[in-house]
């Protein structure tokens, strides 16, 4: 899906004051992960997801990669479907051993896969007794469908709580990927991971583009002690 990623913007030399200021900045996202359906394990009775690609491929020294992230991409389990599902976005919040939060923003969609039946639809195994034939007929299987839909997930992992920004970025990557718009996906992912720096709480608004002609902005919270609700609470306080 993606080749090696190189950010399109190279860092410039900074003065000591700017270097100290940038030390307080944080990456918008730590990892980008593509998780797909594991077709190699689908015949074992348990369906799993598998990491198709991850960037960067090596762990950040300050933020190790979260192992087993594929389990959080499909909370209801990995399974093929006979009908195409609408793309959906959600966020799983994981807590590491040091009680640090990691936000796993997922954009899940379906891809078409061809299924080759191992035997004709009307062919059944010979039953041992009458009860066995009733059991075979009572257990329908999806293996007889020639076209199925497998889930795939695009994931951004971040220590920052900017859910709407993650939704926008993943939506752009999904659109470019599905509609084949001709924009290198490596450019989009490289900019998200390597070029967008977010100031700490109380910092200024950040305006940026991930390289798809988009114009985005995010506003750090006013204070680190105030919780981020992602909802408007102005009316609530007016009524108090």
C-alpha atoms as a PDB file:
ATOM      1  CA  UNK A   1       0.000   0.000   0.000  1.00  0.00           C
ATOM      2  CA  UNK A   2       2.762   2.442   0.948  1.00  0.00           C
ATOM      3  CA  UNK A   3       6.454   2.652   0.202  1.00  0.00           C
ATOM      4  CA  UNK A   4       9.137   4.108   2.416  1.00  0.00           C
ATOM      5  CA  UNK A   5       8.020   7.384   3.947  1.00  0.00           C
ATOM      6  CA  UNK A   6      10.004  10.598   3.924  1.00  0.00           C
ATOM      7  CA  UNK A   7       8.493  13.861   5.190  1.00  0.00           C
ATOM      8  CA  UNK A   8       8.186  16.458   2.436  1.00  0.00           C
ATOM      9  CA  UNK A   9       9.428  19.263   4.650  1.00  0.00           C
ATOM     10  CA  UNK A  10      12.944  19.179   6.042  1.00  0.00           C
ATOM     11  CA  UNK A  11      13.587  20.710   9.485  1.00  0.00           C
ATOM     12  CA  UNK A  12      15.466  23.998   9.505  1.00  0.00           C
ATOM     13  CA  UNK A  13      18.244  25.169  11.824  1.00  0.00           C
ATOM     14  CA  UNK A  14      16.785  26.811  14.916  1.00  0.00           C
ATOM     15  CA  UNK A  15      18.061  29.357  17.371  1.00  0.00           C
ATOM     16  CA  UNK A  16      18.571  28.236  21.020  1.00  0.00           C
ATOM     17  CA  UNK A  17      15.302  29.882  22.042  1.00  0.00           C
ATOM     18  CA  UNK A  18      13.400  28.168  19.257  1.00  0.00           C
ATOM     19  CA  UNK A  19      15.034  24.853  20.096  1.00  0.00           C
ATOM     20  CA  UNK A  20      13.879  25.179  23.708  1.00  0.00           C
ATOM     21  CA  UNK A  21      10.403  26.102  22.522  1.00  0.00           C
ATOM     22  CA  UNK A  22      10.250  23.163  20.088  1.00  0.00           C
ATOM     23  CA  UNK A  23      11.329  20.790  22.863  1.00  0.00           C
ATOM     24  CA  UNK A  24       7.890  21.347  24.378  1.00  0.00           C
ATOM     25  CA  UNK A  25       6.167  20.516  21.100  1.00  0.00           C
ATOM     26  CA  UNK A  26       4.713  17.074  20.490  1.00  0.00           C
ATOM     27  CA  UNK A  27       4.152  14.958  17.397  1.00  0.00           C
ATOM     28  CA  UNK A  28       0.563  15.021  16.200  1.00  0.00           C
ATOM     29  CA  UNK A  29       0.725  11.223  15.866  1.00  0.00           C
ATOM     30  CA  UNK A  30       3.327   8.622  16.785  1.00  0.00           C
ATOM     31  CA  UNK A  31       2.390   5.786  14.419  1.00  0.00           C
ATOM     32  CA  UNK A  32       0.317   5.069  11.341  1.00  0.00           C
ATOM     33  CA  UNK A  33      -0.815   1.465  10.976  1.00  0.00           C
ATOM     34  CA  UNK A  34      -2.663  -0.486   8.285  1.00  0.00           C
ATOM     35  CA  UNK A  35      -4.433  -3.514   9.732  1.00  0.00           C
ATOM     36  CA  UNK A  36      -6.139  -6.095   7.510  1.00  0.00           C
ATOM     37  CA  UNK A  37      -7.985  -9.371   7.746  1.00  0.00           C
ATOM     38  CA  UNK A  38      -5.701 -12.369   8.273  1.00  0.00           C
ATOM     39  CA  UNK A  39      -6.797 -14.802   5.568  1.00  0.00           C
ATOM     40  CA  UNK A  40      -4.185 -17.324   6.703  1.00  0.00           C
ATOM     41  CA  UNK A  41      -6.052 -18.028   9.939  1.00  0.00           C
ATOM     42  CA  UNK A  42      -9.636 -17.859   8.739  1.00  0.00           C
ATOM     43  CA  UNK A  43      -9.904 -21.650   8.329  1.00  0.00           C
ATOM     44  CA  UNK A  44      -8.816 -22.364  11.892  1.00  0.00           C
ATOM     45  CA  UNK A  45     -12.134 -21.320  13.356  1.00  0.00           C
ATOM     46  CA  UNK A  46     -10.808 -18.033  14.766  1.00  0.00           C
ATOM     47  CA  UNK A  47     -10.458 -14.953  12.577  1.00  0.00           C
ATOM     48  CA  UNK A  48      -7.743 -12.444  13.395  1.00  0.00           C
ATOM     49  CA  UNK A  49      -6.406  -9.158  12.138  1.00  0.00           C
ATOM     50  CA  UNK A  50      -2.839  -8.714  10.960  1.00  0.00           C
ATOM     51  CA  UNK A  51      -0.619  -5.647  10.730  1.00  0.00           C
ATOM     52  CA  UNK A  52      -0.047  -5.097   7.017  1.00  0.00           C
ATOM     53  CA  UNK A  53       2.153  -2.007   7.395  1.00  0.00           C
ATOM     54  CA  UNK A  54       3.276   0.326  10.153  1.00  0.00           C
ATOM     55  CA  UNK A  55       5.171   3.594  10.071  1.00  0.00           C
ATOM     56  CA  UNK A  56       7.682   4.251  11.345  1.00  0.00           C
ATOM     57  CA  UNK A  57       8.914   0.672  11.238  1.00  0.00           C
ATOM     58  CA  UNK A  58      11.159   1.253  14.257  1.00  0.00           C
ATOM     59  CA  UNK A  59       9.813   2.315  17.645  1.00  0.00           C
ATOM     60  CA  UNK A  60      10.219   5.866  18.886  1.00  0.00           C
ATOM     61  CA  UNK A  61      12.595   5.894  21.893  1.00  0.00           C
ATOM     62  CA  UNK A  62      10.045   7.778  24.001  1.00  0.00           C
ATOM     63  CA  UNK A  63       6.952   5.927  22.775  1.00  0.00           C
ATOM     64  CA  UNK A  64       7.151   2.165  22.094  1.00  0.00           C
ATOM     65  CA  UNK A  65       4.726   0.658  19.605  1.00  0.00           C
ATOM     66  CA  UNK A  66       1.583  -0.901  21.110  1.00  0.00           C
ATOM     67  CA  UNK A  67       1.649  -4.637  20.548  1.00  0.00           C
ATOM     68  CA  UNK A  68      -1.654  -6.335  19.759  1.00  0.00           C
ATOM     69  CA  UNK A  69      -3.175  -3.174  18.352  1.00  0.00           C
ATOM     70  CA  UNK A  70      -5.090  -5.257  15.799  1.00  0.00           C
ATOM     71  CA  UNK A  71      -7.394  -6.470  18.583  1.00  0.00           C
ATOM     72  CA  UNK A  72      -8.590  -2.909  19.230  1.00  0.00           C
ATOM     73  CA  UNK A  73      -9.390  -2.165  15.569  1.00  0.00           C
ATOM     74  CA  UNK A  74     -12.373  -4.535  15.463  1.00  0.00           C
ATOM     75  CA  UNK A  75     -13.947  -4.655  18.959  1.00  0.00           C
ATOM     76  CA  UNK A  76     -16.602  -7.112  17.750  1.00  0.00           C
ATOM     77  CA  UNK A  77     -14.063  -9.425  16.142  1.00  0.00           C
ATOM     78  CA  UNK A  78     -12.591  -9.878  12.685  1.00  0.00           C
ATOM     79  CA  UNK A  79     -15.042 -11.494  10.287  1.00  0.00           C
ATOM     80  CA  UNK A  80     -15.940 -11.521   6.613  1.00  0.00           C
ATOM     81  CA  UNK A  81     -19.279 -10.060   5.608  1.00  0.00           C
ATOM     82  CA  UNK A  82     -21.679 -10.804   2.773  1.00  0.00           C
ATOM     83  CA  UNK A  83     -22.621  -7.106   2.564  1.00  0.00           C
ATOM     84  CA  UNK A  84     -20.413  -4.051   2.239  1.00  0.00           C
ATOM     85  CA  UNK A  85     -20.403  -1.975   5.403  1.00  0.00           C
ATOM     86  CA  UNK A  86     -20.215   1.805   5.451  1.00  0.00           C
ATOM     87  CA  UNK A  87     -16.851   3.253   6.560  1.00  0.00           C
ATOM     88  CA  UNK A  88     -16.841   4.097  10.245  1.00  0.00           C
ATOM     89  CA  UNK A  89     -14.559   6.023  12.564  1.00  0.00           C
ATOM     90  CA  UNK A  90     -13.992   5.442  16.257  1.00  0.00           C
ATOM     91  CA  UNK A  91     -11.303   5.891  18.886  1.00  0.00           C
ATOM     92  CA  UNK A  92      -9.982   3.344  21.383  1.00  0.00           C
ATOM     93  CA  UNK A  93      -8.127   4.728  24.396  1.00  0.00           C
ATOM     94  CA  UNK A  94      -5.346   2.495  25.693  1.00  0.00           C
ATOM     95  CA  UNK A  95      -3.381   2.970  28.908  1.00  0.00           C
ATOM     96  CA  UNK A  96       0.193   1.762  29.184  1.00  0.00           C
ATOM     97  CA  UNK A  97       2.062   0.510  32.248  1.00  0.00           C
ATOM     98  CA  UNK A  98       2.997   4.073  33.194  1.00  0.00           C
ATOM     99  CA  UNK A  99      -0.671   5.183  33.106  1.00  0.00           C
ATOM    100  CA  UNK A 100      -0.098   7.199  29.917  1.00  0.00           C
ATOM    101  CA  UNK A 101      -3.005   7.377  27.503  1.00  0.00           C
ATOM    102  CA  UNK A 102      -2.670   6.417  23.853  1.00  0.00           C
ATOM    103  CA  UNK A 103      -5.465   7.323  21.450  1.00  0.00           C
ATOM    104  CA  UNK A 104      -5.954   4.794  18.646  1.00  0.00           C
ATOM    105  CA  UNK A 105      -8.060   6.493  15.986  1.00  0.00           C
ATOM    106  CA  UNK A 106      -9.445   3.936  13.509  1.00  0.00           C
ATOM    107  CA  UNK A 107     -11.033   4.357  10.092  1.00  0.00           C
ATOM    108  CA  UNK A 108     -12.521   0.989   9.161  1.00  0.00           C
ATOM    109  CA  UNK A 109     -13.875   0.016   5.759  1.00  0.00           C
ATOM    110  CA  UNK A 110     -14.402  -3.066   3.581  1.00  0.00           C
ATOM    111  CA  UNK A 111     -12.450  -4.464   0.662  1.00  0.00           C
ATOM    112  CA  UNK A 112     -13.787  -7.026  -1.796  1.00  0.00           C
ATOM    113  CA  UNK A 113     -12.262 -10.502  -1.690  1.00  0.00           C
ATOM    114  CA  UNK A 114     -12.987 -13.542  -3.846  1.00  0.00           C
ATOM    115  CA  UNK A 115     -13.769 -16.768  -2.047  1.00  0.00           C
ATOM    116  CA  UNK A 116     -13.244 -20.088  -3.827  1.00  0.00           C
ATOM    117  CA  UNK A 117     -15.501 -22.792  -2.312  1.00  0.00           C
ATOM    118  CA  UNK A 118     -13.667 -25.953  -1.371  1.00  0.00           C
ATOM    119  CA  UNK A 119     -16.679 -28.018  -2.508  1.00  0.00           C
ATOM    120  CA  UNK A 120     -19.887 -27.429  -4.445  1.00  0.00           C
ATOM    121  CA  UNK A 121     -22.795 -25.892  -2.575  1.00  0.00           C
ATOM    122  CA  UNK A 122     -25.023 -28.951  -2.976  1.00  0.00           C
ATOM    123  CA  UNK A 123     -22.315 -31.382  -1.870  1.00  0.00           C
ATOM    124  CA  UNK A 124     -22.584 -32.535   1.722  1.00  0.00           C
ATOM    125  CA  UNK A 125     -20.600 -34.985   3.768  1.00  0.00           C
ATOM    126  CA  UNK A 126     -22.238 -38.308   4.455  1.00  0.00           C
ATOM    127  CA  UNK A 127     -23.795 -38.268   7.931  1.00  0.00           C
ATOM    128  CA  UNK A 128     -23.057 -40.905  10.517  1.00  0.00           C
ATOM    129  CA  UNK A 129     -26.684 -40.924  11.602  1.00  0.00           C
ATOM    130  CA  UNK A 130     -29.845 -38.894  11.116  1.00  0.00           C
ATOM    131  CA  UNK A 131     -28.913 -36.395  13.816  1.00  0.00           C
ATOM    132  CA  UNK A 132     -25.660 -35.556  12.029  1.00  0.00           C
ATOM    133  CA  UNK A 133     -27.470 -34.623   8.793  1.00  0.00           C
ATOM    134  CA  UNK A 134     -29.781 -32.332  10.761  1.00  0.00           C
ATOM    135  CA  UNK A 135     -26.746 -30.677  12.348  1.00  0.00           C
ATOM    136  CA  UNK A 136     -25.031 -30.134   8.992  1.00  0.00           C
ATOM    137  CA  UNK A 137     -28.117 -28.528   7.480  1.00  0.00           C
ATOM    138  CA  UNK A 138     -28.606 -26.327  10.552  1.00  0.00           C
ATOM    139  CA  UNK A 139     -25.126 -24.782  10.313  1.00  0.00           C
ATOM    140  CA  UNK A 140     -24.953 -22.483   7.263  1.00  0.00           C
ATOM    141  CA  UNK A 141     -21.519 -21.443   6.084  1.00  0.00           C
ATOM    142  CA  UNK A 142     -20.349 -18.286   4.319  1.00  0.00           C
ATOM    143  CA  UNK A 143     -17.701 -20.166   2.365  1.00  0.00           C
ATOM    144  CA  UNK A 144     -20.139 -20.723  -0.507  1.00  0.00           C
ATOM    145  CA  UNK A 145     -20.321 -17.008  -1.335  1.00  0.00           C
ATOM    146  CA  UNK A 146     -17.950 -16.173  -4.174  1.00  0.00           C
ATOM    147  CA  UNK A 147     -17.658 -12.483  -3.191  1.00  0.00           C
ATOM    148  CA  UNK A 148     -17.139 -11.402   0.407  1.00  0.00           C
ATOM    149  CA  UNK A 149     -16.056  -8.218   2.146  1.00  0.00           C
ATOM    150  CA  UNK A 150     -13.052  -8.147   4.454  1.00  0.00           C
ATOM    151  CA  UNK A 151     -12.489  -5.387   7.005  1.00  0.00           C
ATOM    152  CA  UNK A 152      -9.426  -3.136   6.791  1.00  0.00           C
ATOM    153  CA  UNK A 153      -8.442  -0.388   9.210  1.00  0.00           C
ATOM    154  CA  UNK A 154      -6.318   2.736   8.940  1.00  0.00           C
ATOM    155  CA  UNK A 155      -5.031   3.671  12.396  1.00  0.00           C
ATOM    156  CA  UNK A 156      -3.330   6.703  13.887  1.00  0.00           C
ATOM    157  CA  UNK A 157      -1.779   6.232  17.339  1.00  0.00           C
ATOM    158  CA  UNK A 158      -1.164   9.374  19.360  1.00  0.00           C
ATOM    159  CA  UNK A 159      -0.631  10.545  22.925  1.00  0.00           C
ATOM    160  CA  UNK A 160      -2.689  13.647  22.127  1.00  0.00           C
ATOM    161  CA  UNK A 161      -6.448  14.030  22.296  1.00  0.00           C
ATOM    162  CA  UNK A 162      -7.344  15.628  18.958  1.00  0.00           C
ATOM    163  CA  UNK A 163     -10.082  13.295  17.794  1.00  0.00           C
ATOM    164  CA  UNK A 164     -11.603  15.547  15.118  1.00  0.00           C
ATOM    165  CA  UNK A 165      -8.184  16.165  13.607  1.00  0.00           C
ATOM    166  CA  UNK A 166      -7.538  12.419  13.484  1.00  0.00           C
ATOM    167  CA  UNK A 167     -10.933  11.916  11.844  1.00  0.00           C
ATOM    168  CA  UNK A 168     -10.109  14.509   9.179  1.00  0.00           C
ATOM    169  CA  UNK A 169      -6.641  13.108   8.473  1.00  0.00           C
ATOM    170  CA  UNK A 170      -7.814   9.507   8.212  1.00  0.00           C
ATOM    171  CA  UNK A 171     -10.755  10.582   6.068  1.00  0.00           C
ATOM    172  CA  UNK A 172      -8.371  12.259   3.624  1.00  0.00           C
ATOM    173  CA  UNK A 173      -6.073   9.216   3.498  1.00  0.00           C
ATOM    174  CA  UNK A 174      -9.070   6.931   2.947  1.00  0.00           C
ATOM    175  CA  UNK A 175     -10.426   9.097   0.120  1.00  0.00           C
ATOM    176  CA  UNK A 176      -7.051   9.298  -1.622  1.00  0.00           C
ATOM    177  CA  UNK A 177      -6.580   5.525  -1.287  1.00  0.00           C
ATOM    178  CA  UNK A 178     -10.053   4.437  -2.416  1.00  0.00           C
ATOM    179  CA  UNK A 179     -10.527   6.975  -5.204  1.00  0.00           C
ATOM    180  CA  UNK A 180      -6.902   6.759  -6.421  1.00  0.00           C
ATOM    181  CA  UNK A 181      -6.501  10.524  -6.584  1.00  0.00           C
ATOM    182  CA  UNK A 182      -2.844  10.388  -7.530  1.00  0.00           C
ATOM    183  CA  UNK A 183      -1.524  11.925  -4.316  1.00  0.00           C
ATOM    184  CA  UNK A 184       1.267   9.795  -2.796  1.00  0.00           C
ATOM    185  CA  UNK A 185       0.051   8.267   0.442  1.00  0.00           C
ATOM    186  CA  UNK A 186       3.646   8.370   1.663  1.00  0.00           C
ATOM    187  CA  UNK A 187       3.482  12.156   1.540  1.00  0.00           C
ATOM    188  CA  UNK A 188       0.326  12.344   3.630  1.00  0.00           C
ATOM    189  CA  UNK A 189       1.523   9.895   6.276  1.00  0.00           C
ATOM    190  CA  UNK A 190       5.026  11.377   6.357  1.00  0.00           C
ATOM    191  CA  UNK A 191       3.650  14.852   7.002  1.00  0.00           C
ATOM    192  CA  UNK A 192       1.374  13.637   9.797  1.00  0.00           C
ATOM    193  CA  UNK A 193       4.168  11.775  11.583  1.00  0.00           C
ATOM    194  CA  UNK A 194       7.110  14.041  10.880  1.00  0.00           C
ATOM    195  CA  UNK A 195       6.062  17.594  10.115  1.00  0.00           C
ATOM    196  CA  UNK A 196       3.110  18.571  12.299  1.00  0.00           C
ATOM    197  CA  UNK A 197       4.173  19.710  15.757  1.00  0.00           C
ATOM    198  CA  UNK A 198       1.589  20.565  18.408  1.00  0.00           C
ATOM    199  CA  UNK A 199       2.302  23.081  21.210  1.00  0.00           C
ATOM    200  CA  UNK A 200       1.439  22.261  24.820  1.00  0.00           C
ATOM    201  CA  UNK A 201      -1.699  23.434  26.610  1.00  0.00           C
ATOM    202  CA  UNK A 202      -2.074  27.198  26.465  1.00  0.00           C
ATOM    203  CA  UNK A 203      -0.181  27.391  23.179  1.00  0.00           C
ATOM    204  CA  UNK A 204      -1.314  29.066  19.954  1.00  0.00           C
ATOM    205  CA  UNK A 205      -3.567  27.606  17.288  1.00  0.00           C
ATOM    206  CA  UNK A 206      -1.805  25.455  14.701  1.00  0.00           C
ATOM    207  CA  UNK A 207      -2.737  25.635  11.007  1.00  0.00           C
ATOM    208  CA  UNK A 208      -1.430  22.938   8.709  1.00  0.00           C
ATOM    209  CA  UNK A 209      -1.962  20.739   5.658  1.00  0.00           C
ATOM    210  CA  UNK A 210      -1.051  17.091   5.261  1.00  0.00           C
ATOM    211  CA  UNK A 211      -0.412  17.585   1.545  1.00  0.00           C
ATOM    212  CA  UNK A 212      -3.770  16.910  -0.099  1.00  0.00           C
ATOM    213  CA  UNK A 213      -4.867  20.496  -0.637  1.00  0.00           C
ATOM    214  CA  UNK A 214      -6.534  20.468   2.765  1.00  0.00           C
ATOM    215  CA  UNK A 215      -6.531  23.320   5.275  1.00  0.00           C
ATOM    216  CA  UNK A 216      -6.785  22.273   8.893  1.00  0.00           C
ATOM    217  CA  UNK A 217      -6.410  23.875  12.289  1.00  0.00           C
ATOM    218  CA  UNK A 218      -6.250  22.637  15.859  1.00  0.00           C
ATOM    219  CA  UNK A 219      -6.361  24.563  19.113  1.00  0.00           C
ATOM    220  CA  UNK A 220      -4.490  23.294  22.175  1.00  0.00           C
ATOM    221  CA  UNK A 221      -6.531  23.382  25.407  1.00  0.00           C
ATOM    222  CA  UNK A 222      -6.319  26.528  27.524  1.00  0.00           C
ATOM    223  CA  UNK A 223      -5.033  24.687  30.570  1.00  0.00           C
ATOM    224  CA  UNK A 224      -3.684  21.163  31.153  1.00  0.00           C
ATOM    225  CA  UNK A 225      -5.884  20.891  34.246  1.00  0.00           C
ATOM    226  CA  UNK A 226      -9.132  21.376  32.315  1.00  0.00           C
ATOM    227  CA  UNK A 227     -10.600  18.198  30.789  1.00  0.00           C
ATOM    228  CA  UNK A 228     -11.348  18.041  27.058  1.00  0.00           C
ATOM    229  CA  UNK A 229     -14.997  17.063  26.562  1.00  0.00           C
ATOM    230  CA  UNK A 230     -15.299  17.419  22.747  1.00  0.00           C
ATOM    231  CA  UNK A 231     -18.735  18.942  23.392  1.00  0.00           C
ATOM    232  CA  UNK A 232     -19.927  22.491  23.935  1.00  0.00           C
ATOM    233  CA  UNK A 233     -20.530  23.182  27.612  1.00  0.00           C
ATOM    234  CA  UNK A 234     -21.097  26.928  27.281  1.00  0.00           C
ATOM    235  CA  UNK A 235     -24.891  26.618  27.537  1.00  0.00           C
ATOM    236  CA  UNK A 236     -24.571  24.402  30.612  1.00  0.00           C
ATOM    237  CA  UNK A 237     -22.588  27.017  32.515  1.00  0.00           C
ATOM    238  CA  UNK A 238     -24.944  29.765  31.406  1.00  0.00           C
ATOM    239  CA  UNK A 239     -27.845  27.888  32.993  1.00  0.00           C
ATOM    240  CA  UNK A 240     -26.092  27.398  36.338  1.00  0.00           C
END
